[in-house]
N, C-alpha and C. Protein backbone atom coordinates (compact mmCIF):
# COMPACT_ATOMS: atom_id res chain seq x y z
N MET A 1 0.80 -1.09 -0.02
CA MET A 1 0.08 -0.10 -0.25
C MET A 1 1.05 1.37 -0.01
N SER A 2 0.40 2.10 -0.83
CA SER A 2 1.14 3.21 -0.83
C SER A 2 0.49 4.78 -1.08
N ASP A 3 0.31 5.88 -0.23
CA ASP A 3 -0.48 6.85 -0.49
C ASP A 3 -1.75 6.41 -0.64
N THR A 4 -2.36 5.60 0.00
CA THR A 4 -4.09 5.04 -0.35
C THR A 4 -4.69 5.46 0.93
N ILE A 5 -5.58 6.01 0.48
CA ILE A 5 -6.98 6.50 1.52
C ILE A 5 -7.92 5.26 1.94
N ALA A 6 -7.70 5.05 3.03
CA ALA A 6 -8.74 3.66 3.65
C ALA A 6 -10.04 4.09 4.99
N GLU A 7 -10.41 3.01 5.06
CA GLU A 7 -11.42 3.45 6.83
C GLU A 7 -11.07 1.82 7.44
N LEU A 8 -10.15 2.42 8.44
CA LEU A 8 -9.92 1.43 9.06
C LEU A 8 -10.38 1.33 10.65
N ASP A 9 -10.51 0.02 10.82
CA ASP A 9 -10.96 -0.12 12.17
C ASP A 9 -9.69 0.90 12.94
N PRO A 10 -10.55 1.53 14.08
CA PRO A 10 -9.27 2.41 15.40
C PRO A 10 -8.08 1.43 16.03
N GLY A 11 -8.72 0.13 16.48
CA GLY A 11 -8.15 -0.98 17.02
C GLY A 11 -6.90 -1.43 16.64
N LEU A 12 -6.97 -1.44 14.81
CA LEU A 12 -6.14 -1.66 14.14
C LEU A 12 -4.52 -0.93 13.94
N VAL A 13 -5.38 0.39 14.87
CA VAL A 13 -3.86 1.44 14.23
C VAL A 13 -3.45 1.97 15.90
N HIS A 14 -2.19 1.58 15.74
CA HIS A 14 -1.47 1.85 17.21
C HIS A 14 -0.21 3.24 17.17
N ALA A 15 -0.18 3.36 18.36
CA ALA A 15 0.47 4.89 18.48
C ALA A 15 1.75 4.65 18.38
N GLY A 16 3.04 3.60 18.63
CA GLY A 16 3.68 3.84 18.03
C GLY A 16 4.67 4.31 19.03
N GLY A 17 4.45 4.59 20.64
CA GLY A 17 5.20 5.27 21.41
C GLY A 17 5.54 6.83 21.12
N HIS A 18 4.67 7.50 20.22
CA HIS A 18 4.96 8.62 20.10
C HIS A 18 3.44 9.48 20.02
N THR A 19 3.47 10.74 20.61
CA THR A 19 2.95 11.70 20.70
C THR A 19 2.93 12.88 19.84
N ASP A 20 1.72 13.45 19.39
CA ASP A 20 2.07 15.00 18.62
C ASP A 20 2.18 16.16 20.02
N GLY A 21 2.43 15.64 20.64
CA GLY A 21 3.05 16.70 22.05
C GLY A 21 1.82 17.55 22.23
N LEU A 22 0.58 17.47 21.79
CA LEU A 22 -0.55 18.44 22.29
C LEU A 22 -1.23 18.20 23.28
N ASP A 23 -1.47 18.87 24.60
CA ASP A 23 -1.86 18.00 25.83
C ASP A 23 -3.70 18.41 25.28
N VAL A 24 -4.45 17.28 25.26
CA VAL A 24 -5.64 17.68 24.92
C VAL A 24 -6.73 16.38 26.26
N SER A 25 -7.95 17.07 26.57
CA SER A 25 -8.11 16.45 28.03
C SER A 25 -9.50 15.35 26.75
N GLN A 26 -9.78 14.64 27.78
CA GLN A 26 -10.96 13.44 27.38
C GLN A 26 -12.13 14.17 26.85
N ALA A 27 -12.67 15.00 27.66
CA ALA A 27 -13.76 16.40 26.86
C ALA A 27 -13.67 16.83 25.51
N GLU A 28 -12.44 17.21 25.08
CA GLU A 28 -12.07 18.01 23.71
C GLU A 28 -12.37 16.41 22.89
N ILE A 29 -11.72 15.17 23.48
CA ILE A 29 -11.81 14.15 22.96
C ILE A 29 -13.59 13.58 22.38
N ALA A 30 -13.89 13.85 23.46
CA ALA A 30 -15.62 13.67 23.54
C ALA A 30 -16.45 14.26 22.80
N THR A 31 -15.99 15.86 22.52
CA THR A 31 -16.47 16.99 21.69
C THR A 31 -16.03 16.80 19.84
N LEU A 32 -14.63 16.13 19.92
CA LEU A 32 -14.38 15.80 18.63
C LEU A 32 -15.34 14.80 17.85
N ALA A 33 -15.56 13.82 19.07
CA ALA A 33 -16.04 12.44 18.84
C ALA A 33 -17.24 12.99 18.18
N GLU A 34 -18.17 13.60 18.96
CA GLU A 34 -19.91 13.97 18.77
C GLU A 34 -19.68 15.08 17.23
N SER A 35 -18.54 15.92 17.73
CA SER A 35 -18.70 16.51 16.16
C SER A 35 -18.68 15.46 14.76
N LEU A 36 -17.72 14.61 15.11
CA LEU A 36 -17.20 13.55 13.65
C LEU A 36 -18.37 12.28 13.46
N ARG A 37 -19.09 12.22 14.67
CA ARG A 37 -20.70 11.35 14.41
C ARG A 37 -21.43 12.66 13.34
N ASN A 38 -21.53 13.43 13.81
CA ASN A 38 -22.37 14.84 13.07
C ASN A 38 -22.18 14.80 11.86
N ALA A 39 -20.88 15.07 11.13
CA ALA A 39 -20.39 15.63 10.13
C ALA A 39 -19.34 15.11 9.56
N GLY A 40 -19.14 14.09 10.02
CA GLY A 40 -18.10 12.67 9.67
C GLY A 40 -16.46 13.31 9.95
N GLN A 41 -15.91 12.46 9.33
CA GLN A 41 -14.70 12.89 9.32
C GLN A 41 -13.81 13.33 8.28
N LYS A 42 -13.77 14.64 8.12
CA LYS A 42 -13.13 15.73 6.78
C LYS A 42 -11.61 15.47 6.32
N VAL A 43 -10.90 15.11 7.22
CA VAL A 43 -9.39 15.09 7.04
C VAL A 43 -9.00 13.89 7.42
N PRO A 44 -8.25 12.90 6.74
CA PRO A 44 -7.93 11.74 7.42
C PRO A 44 -6.70 11.91 7.83
N ILE A 45 -6.15 10.60 9.02
CA ILE A 45 -4.92 10.58 9.88
C ILE A 45 -4.23 10.20 8.97
N LEU A 46 -2.93 10.30 9.42
CA LEU A 46 -1.99 9.52 8.61
C LEU A 46 -1.29 8.45 9.68
N ALA A 47 -1.02 7.62 8.69
CA ALA A 47 -0.21 5.97 9.10
C ALA A 47 0.23 5.32 8.20
N ARG A 48 1.09 4.97 9.00
CA ARG A 48 2.20 3.74 8.11
C ARG A 48 2.02 2.01 8.63
N PRO A 49 2.06 1.37 7.34
CA PRO A 49 1.98 -0.01 7.52
C PRO A 49 2.71 -0.29 9.09
N HIS A 50 2.47 -1.05 10.08
CA HIS A 50 2.86 -1.36 11.28
C HIS A 50 4.48 -2.51 10.93
N PRO A 51 5.41 -1.84 11.63
CA PRO A 51 6.47 -2.74 11.57
C PRO A 51 6.60 -3.88 11.38
N ALA A 52 5.86 -4.23 12.47
CA ALA A 52 6.22 -5.86 13.34
C ALA A 52 4.59 -6.54 13.12
N LYS A 53 3.81 -5.63 13.11
CA LYS A 53 2.48 -6.34 12.86
C LYS A 53 1.33 -6.59 11.69
N PRO A 54 1.52 -7.50 10.53
CA PRO A 54 1.03 -7.58 9.26
C PRO A 54 -0.22 -7.30 9.09
N GLY A 55 -0.96 -6.12 8.53
CA GLY A 55 -2.20 -5.85 8.72
C GLY A 55 -2.64 -4.63 9.60
N GLU A 56 -1.99 -4.53 10.38
CA GLU A 56 -2.27 -3.29 11.37
C GLU A 56 -1.12 -2.13 10.76
N TYR A 57 -1.56 -0.81 12.09
CA TYR A 57 -1.06 0.13 11.23
C TYR A 57 -0.39 1.21 12.35
N GLU A 58 0.30 1.85 12.11
CA GLU A 58 1.25 2.78 13.69
C GLU A 58 0.62 3.95 12.83
N ILE A 59 0.04 5.19 13.93
CA ILE A 59 -0.40 6.48 13.38
C ILE A 59 0.87 7.38 13.31
N VAL A 60 1.07 8.14 12.58
CA VAL A 60 2.45 9.31 12.50
C VAL A 60 1.25 10.30 12.83
N ALA A 61 0.34 10.72 12.42
CA ALA A 61 -0.54 11.97 12.72
C ALA A 61 -1.61 12.15 12.48
N GLY A 62 -2.66 12.73 13.51
CA GLY A 62 -3.68 12.70 13.87
C GLY A 62 -4.37 11.79 15.15
N GLN A 63 -3.38 11.85 16.28
CA GLN A 63 -3.78 10.81 17.35
C GLN A 63 -5.42 11.36 18.01
N ARG A 64 -5.75 12.74 18.12
CA ARG A 64 -6.69 13.38 18.84
C ARG A 64 -8.24 12.80 17.82
N ARG A 65 -7.93 12.81 16.59
CA ARG A 65 -9.05 12.12 15.46
C ARG A 65 -9.30 10.54 15.48
N LEU A 66 -8.05 10.04 15.52
CA LEU A 66 -8.18 8.08 15.94
C LEU A 66 -8.89 8.02 17.58
N ALA A 67 -8.24 8.95 18.41
CA ALA A 67 -8.88 8.91 19.74
C ALA A 67 -10.44 9.12 19.36
N ALA A 68 -10.87 10.10 18.93
CA ALA A 68 -12.84 10.46 18.88
C ALA A 68 -13.24 9.58 17.75
N CYS A 69 -12.57 8.86 16.69
CA CYS A 69 -13.39 7.72 16.16
C CYS A 69 -13.23 6.61 16.60
N HIS A 70 -12.63 6.34 17.62
CA HIS A 70 -12.52 5.09 18.83
C HIS A 70 -13.74 5.08 19.35
N LEU A 71 -13.61 6.48 20.42
CA LEU A 71 -14.65 6.82 21.07
C LEU A 71 -16.15 6.86 20.64
N ALA A 72 -16.07 7.49 18.92
CA ALA A 72 -17.50 7.38 18.82
C ALA A 72 -17.76 6.07 18.24
N GLY A 73 -17.09 5.03 18.04
CA GLY A 73 -17.38 4.01 17.57
C GLY A 73 -17.76 3.64 16.10
N MET A 74 -16.99 4.33 15.40
CA MET A 74 -16.77 4.57 13.78
C MET A 74 -15.36 4.58 13.42
N LYS A 75 -15.36 4.01 12.27
CA LYS A 75 -13.98 3.59 11.51
C LYS A 75 -13.55 4.81 11.17
N VAL A 76 -12.12 5.00 10.87
CA VAL A 76 -11.24 6.47 10.92
C VAL A 76 -10.46 6.13 9.49
N ARG A 77 -10.42 6.92 8.83
CA ARG A 77 -10.01 7.25 7.70
C ARG A 77 -8.64 8.02 7.91
N ALA A 78 -8.06 6.69 7.00
CA ALA A 78 -6.49 7.17 7.25
C ALA A 78 -5.85 6.99 5.66
N GLU A 79 -5.14 8.15 5.74
CA GLU A 79 -4.01 8.15 4.66
C GLU A 79 -3.04 6.96 4.70
N ILE A 80 -2.56 6.43 4.05
CA ILE A 80 -1.78 4.81 4.29
C ILE A 80 -0.66 5.72 3.82
N GLU A 81 0.64 5.26 3.89
CA GLU A 81 1.81 5.99 3.62
C GLU A 81 3.16 4.88 4.01
N GLU A 82 3.81 4.58 2.86
CA GLU A 82 5.28 3.35 3.08
C GLU A 82 6.17 4.67 3.73
N LEU A 83 6.76 4.52 5.31
CA LEU A 83 7.48 5.52 5.38
C LEU A 83 8.49 4.63 6.31
N ASN A 84 9.86 5.17 6.35
CA ASN A 84 10.99 4.53 7.36
C ASN A 84 10.86 5.04 8.51
N ASP A 85 11.78 4.54 9.25
CA ASP A 85 11.59 5.12 10.56
C ASP A 85 11.67 6.33 11.13
N ALA A 86 12.68 6.83 10.39
CA ALA A 86 12.80 8.18 10.61
C ALA A 86 11.60 9.12 10.35
N ALA A 87 10.69 9.22 9.21
CA ALA A 87 9.92 10.12 8.62
C ALA A 87 8.87 10.36 9.85
N PRO A 88 8.27 9.28 10.70
CA PRO A 88 7.25 10.07 11.51
C PRO A 88 7.63 11.08 12.32
N SER A 89 8.60 11.12 12.70
CA SER A 89 9.18 11.82 13.83
C SER A 89 9.15 13.12 13.42
N TRP A 90 9.77 13.66 11.74
CA TRP A 90 9.88 14.96 11.19
C TRP A 90 8.80 15.17 10.60
N ILE A 91 7.81 14.22 10.55
CA ILE A 91 6.13 14.39 10.05
C ILE A 91 5.13 14.85 10.89
N ARG A 92 5.58 14.31 11.99
CA ARG A 92 5.25 14.79 13.77
C ARG A 92 5.07 16.11 13.75
N GLN A 93 6.47 16.52 13.83
CA GLN A 93 6.92 18.11 14.21
C GLN A 93 6.22 19.11 13.53
N SER A 94 6.72 18.51 12.16
CA SER A 94 6.24 19.57 11.09
C SER A 94 4.17 19.67 11.67
N ARG A 95 3.45 18.72 11.65
CA ARG A 95 2.67 18.92 11.85
C ARG A 95 1.82 19.59 13.59
N THR A 96 2.92 19.21 14.25
CA THR A 96 2.57 20.12 15.85
C THR A 96 2.88 21.28 15.23
N LEU A 97 3.82 21.79 14.61
CA LEU A 97 4.39 22.94 15.06
C LEU A 97 2.99 24.05 14.38
N ARG A 98 2.47 23.03 13.03
CA ARG A 98 1.29 24.03 12.19
C ARG A 98 -0.08 24.08 13.19
N ALA A 99 -0.45 23.06 13.72
CA ALA A 99 -1.42 23.25 14.76
C ALA A 99 -0.91 23.98 15.65
N ARG A 100 -0.36 24.56 16.31
CA ARG A 100 0.04 25.38 17.72
C ARG A 100 0.13 26.90 16.67
N THR A 101 0.31 26.94 15.26
CA THR A 101 0.46 28.41 15.23
C THR A 101 -0.86 28.77 14.56
């Protein structure tokens, strides 16, 4: 799979030990979950195939959307890219900086 948009079971998408660095409360996740239930997910998360679990994924960006989809009981739209181990770190940093500005 390369540069594919797919609807995934949130349980198949793992954190990989990284976070986006933004502190988000459970109340904010619940609010986002309600919004996703009402309006749908407009922006996919970014994930890569899990390096050790075939058929599963590792999240690169979009942790809040993933948590909200899980809470809402809905599949998560994900852009799946073949990324090496170094790529997730710089992609997360870039997206976190954009989210903070």
